[in-house]
Amino acid sequence: MALLLYLRSCLLFHPELHCLLPLRKSNPCDGEAHRGQLREHLPESRTPELLRSFTDKDAISFTSRFYHPSNMVFFVLGNIDFKRIIRQTEKFLGKISDSKNDSRRLPPLPYIPEQLTVCKDTHQAHVMIGRRGYHAYDNKRTGLYLLNNILGGPGMNSRLNLTLRERRG
């Protein structure tokens, strides 16, 4: 949502910057093209049209719901007096009330299996399999991430990559 607010502010205050152009490259390189194609089929995908539909009222409503002290975390690194940090924080944030927000999430959209095949005249093949995973606090999440990385993760040392490149040429 922070990205949304940033993009919305760019459009409001600097329309000449065309902040939305990076969202839709006309000719992404082969390494990026497959990610964009999969992303377009996700129900959570965002489009420039959707971003343009948000109003100033939406941005103000979002910030008033979620930008309050109980949702903030500060990290300070360096030789800085802790009391000074507290004074500065209270000076700039002391007038912000700690509102009660409704942090309930919308239920996820139903999972609808889909197969997409795109044939291109390139020297590589990209296979992507996607599905909704475990939520952030599920104990099974770590095992799924580990299995994903061992079998076909982003590195060149995944089992799938080793089998294809080293053992099968």
Protein backbone atom coordinates (compact mmCIF):
# COMPACT_ATOMS: atom_id res chain seq x y z
CA MET A 1 0.00 0.00 0.00
CA ALA A 2 2.95 2.32 0.58
CA LEU A 3 3.83 1.88 -3.09
CA LEU A 4 0.27 2.82 -3.97
CA LEU A 5 0.52 6.01 -1.91
CA TYR A 6 3.84 6.87 -3.50
CA LEU A 7 2.53 6.29 -7.01
CA ARG A 8 -0.64 8.21 -6.27
CA SER A 9 1.34 11.17 -4.94
CA CYS A 10 3.54 11.08 -8.04
CA LEU A 11 0.48 11.30 -10.23
CA LEU A 12 -1.03 14.10 -8.18
CA PHE A 13 2.00 16.29 -7.75
CA HIS A 14 4.23 15.33 -10.68
CA PRO A 15 2.14 13.95 -13.56
CA GLU A 16 5.02 14.63 -15.93
CA LEU A 17 7.07 11.89 -14.25
CA HIS A 18 4.80 9.12 -15.57
CA CYS A 19 5.40 7.01 -12.48
CA LEU A 20 3.30 4.17 -13.81
CA LEU A 21 5.46 3.47 -16.84
CA PRO A 22 7.73 0.98 -15.04
CA LEU A 23 4.68 -1.16 -14.23
CA ARG A 24 4.20 -2.14 -17.86
CA LYS A 25 7.39 -2.40 -19.87
CA SER A 26 6.66 -2.76 -23.54
CA ASN A 27 9.60 -5.08 -24.16
CA PRO A 28 10.88 -6.66 -20.97
CA CYS A 29 13.94 -8.83 -21.35
CA ASP A 30 13.37 -12.57 -21.52
CA GLY A 31 14.39 -13.00 -17.90
CA GLU A 32 11.57 -10.74 -16.73
CA ALA A 33 8.87 -11.49 -19.28
CA HIS A 34 7.70 -14.73 -17.71
CA ARG A 35 7.28 -13.13 -14.28
CA GLY A 36 5.01 -10.46 -15.71
CA GLN A 37 2.91 -13.00 -17.54
CA LEU A 38 2.30 -15.01 -14.38
CA ARG A 39 1.65 -11.88 -12.32
CA GLU A 40 -1.12 -10.81 -14.71
CA HIS A 41 -3.05 -13.96 -13.80
CA LEU A 42 -2.92 -13.46 -10.05
CA PRO A 43 -6.09 -12.08 -8.48
CA GLU A 44 -4.00 -9.67 -6.40
CA SER A 45 -2.36 -8.15 -9.49
CA ARG A 46 -2.44 -4.41 -9.81
CA THR A 47 -2.76 -2.46 -13.00
CA PRO A 48 -2.15 1.17 -13.85
CA GLU A 49 -5.91 1.57 -14.30
CA LEU A 50 -6.56 0.31 -10.79
CA LEU A 51 -3.90 2.63 -9.35
CA ARG A 52 -5.40 5.58 -11.20
CA SER A 53 -8.82 4.77 -9.72
CA PHE A 54 -7.66 5.55 -6.17
CA THR A 55 -8.54 9.03 -4.97
CA ASP A 56 -7.00 11.43 -2.50
CA LYS A 57 -9.78 10.45 -0.11
CA ASP A 58 -8.66 6.79 -0.36
CA ALA A 59 -5.06 7.74 0.48
CA ILE A 60 -6.11 9.91 3.43
CA SER A 61 -8.42 7.18 4.71
CA PHE A 62 -5.63 4.61 4.48
CA THR A 63 -3.09 6.75 6.31
CA SER A 64 -5.55 7.66 9.06
CA ARG A 65 -6.38 3.97 9.58
CA PHE A 66 -2.85 2.56 9.63
CA TYR A 67 -0.29 5.31 10.28
CA HIS A 68 -0.43 5.62 14.06
CA PRO A 69 2.08 5.01 16.86
CA SER A 70 1.07 1.43 17.69
CA ASN A 71 1.84 0.46 14.08
CA MET A 72 5.24 2.18 13.96
CA VAL A 73 8.69 0.74 14.56
CA PHE A 74 11.90 2.80 14.63
CA PHE A 75 15.43 1.58 14.15
CA VAL A 76 18.35 3.79 15.03
CA LEU A 77 21.95 2.88 14.37
CA GLY A 78 24.91 4.86 15.51
CA ASN A 79 26.32 6.77 18.43
CA ILE A 80 23.14 8.70 19.22
CA ASP A 81 21.84 9.54 22.68
CA PHE A 82 18.71 7.47 23.38
CA LYS A 83 17.04 10.34 25.28
CA ARG A 84 17.54 12.57 22.24
CA ILE A 85 15.83 9.98 20.04
CA ILE A 86 12.87 9.86 22.42
CA ARG A 87 12.62 13.68 22.49
CA GLN A 88 12.74 13.92 18.69
CA THR A 89 10.20 11.14 18.25
CA GLU A 90 7.80 12.73 20.72
CA LYS A 91 8.30 16.13 19.10
CA PHE A 92 7.35 14.92 15.64
CA LEU A 93 4.88 12.17 16.48
CA GLY A 94 3.48 13.23 19.85
CA LYS A 95 0.37 14.81 18.36
CA ILE A 96 -0.63 11.70 16.43
CA SER A 97 -3.44 9.89 18.21
CA ASP A 98 -3.27 6.14 18.53
CA SER A 99 -6.49 5.26 16.75
CA LYS A 100 -8.16 1.90 16.85
CA ASN A 101 -8.04 0.45 13.38
CA ASP A 102 -10.05 -2.28 11.84
CA SER A 103 -7.27 -4.58 10.71
CA ARG A 104 -9.52 -7.36 9.49
CA ARG A 105 -8.50 -8.62 6.11
CA LEU A 106 -10.85 -9.38 3.28
CA PRO A 107 -11.28 -13.09 2.66
CA PRO A 108 -9.02 -14.39 -0.11
CA LEU A 109 -10.47 -14.76 -3.56
CA PRO A 110 -11.34 -18.33 -4.53
CA TYR A 111 -8.57 -20.40 -6.05
CA ILE A 112 -9.32 -21.14 -9.69
CA PRO A 113 -6.77 -23.45 -11.36
CA GLU A 114 -5.50 -22.18 -14.68
CA GLN A 115 -2.88 -23.29 -17.18
CA LEU A 116 -1.16 -20.76 -19.41
CA THR A 117 1.20 -21.72 -22.22
CA VAL A 118 3.06 -19.03 -24.12
CA CYS A 119 5.27 -20.00 -27.05
CA LYS A 120 8.10 -17.61 -27.88
CA ASP A 121 11.05 -17.75 -30.21
CA THR A 122 13.72 -17.81 -27.49
CA HIS A 123 16.54 -20.10 -26.49
CA GLN A 124 15.21 -20.70 -22.98
CA ALA A 125 12.18 -22.27 -21.40
CA HIS A 126 10.56 -20.90 -18.27
CA VAL A 127 8.23 -22.99 -16.16
CA MET A 128 6.40 -21.34 -13.30
CA ILE A 129 3.97 -22.99 -10.95
CA GLY A 130 2.03 -20.80 -8.58
CA ARG A 131 -0.52 -21.36 -5.88
CA ARG A 132 -1.60 -19.71 -2.67
CA GLY A 133 0.81 -20.61 0.15
CA TYR A 134 0.62 -20.71 3.92
CA HIS A 135 0.02 -17.54 5.90
CA ALA A 136 2.92 -15.79 7.63
CA TYR A 137 2.36 -17.44 11.04
CA ASP A 138 1.73 -21.02 9.90
CA ASN A 139 4.38 -23.46 11.14
CA LYS A 140 4.30 -25.31 7.81
CA ARG A 141 5.45 -22.19 5.92
CA THR A 142 9.17 -22.66 6.61
CA GLY A 143 9.12 -26.25 5.35
CA LEU A 144 7.35 -25.19 2.17
CA TYR A 145 9.92 -22.43 1.53
CA LEU A 146 12.76 -24.87 2.11
CA LEU A 147 11.23 -27.47 -0.22
CA ASN A 148 10.64 -24.81 -2.87
CA ASN A 149 14.26 -23.66 -2.74
CA ILE A 150 15.70 -27.18 -2.77
CA LEU A 151 13.60 -28.36 -5.70
CA GLY A 152 13.57 -25.32 -7.93
CA GLY A 153 14.39 -22.14 -6.10
CA PRO A 154 15.97 -19.01 -7.49
CA GLY A 155 19.56 -20.22 -7.30
CA MET A 156 21.61 -22.16 -9.81
CA ASN A 157 22.10 -24.93 -7.24
CA SER A 158 18.50 -26.18 -7.01
CA ARG A 159 17.93 -29.87 -7.65
CA LEU A 160 15.94 -29.13 -10.79
CA ASN A 161 18.60 -26.81 -12.19
CA LEU A 162 21.45 -29.21 -11.39
CA THR A 163 19.61 -32.09 -13.03
CA LEU A 164 18.80 -30.15 -16.17
CA ARG A 165 22.11 -28.36 -16.68
CA GLU A 166 24.75 -30.71 -15.32
CA ARG A 167 23.38 -34.22 -15.58
CA ARG A 168 21.24 -33.96 -18.70
CA GLY A 169 23.30 -31.37 -20.57
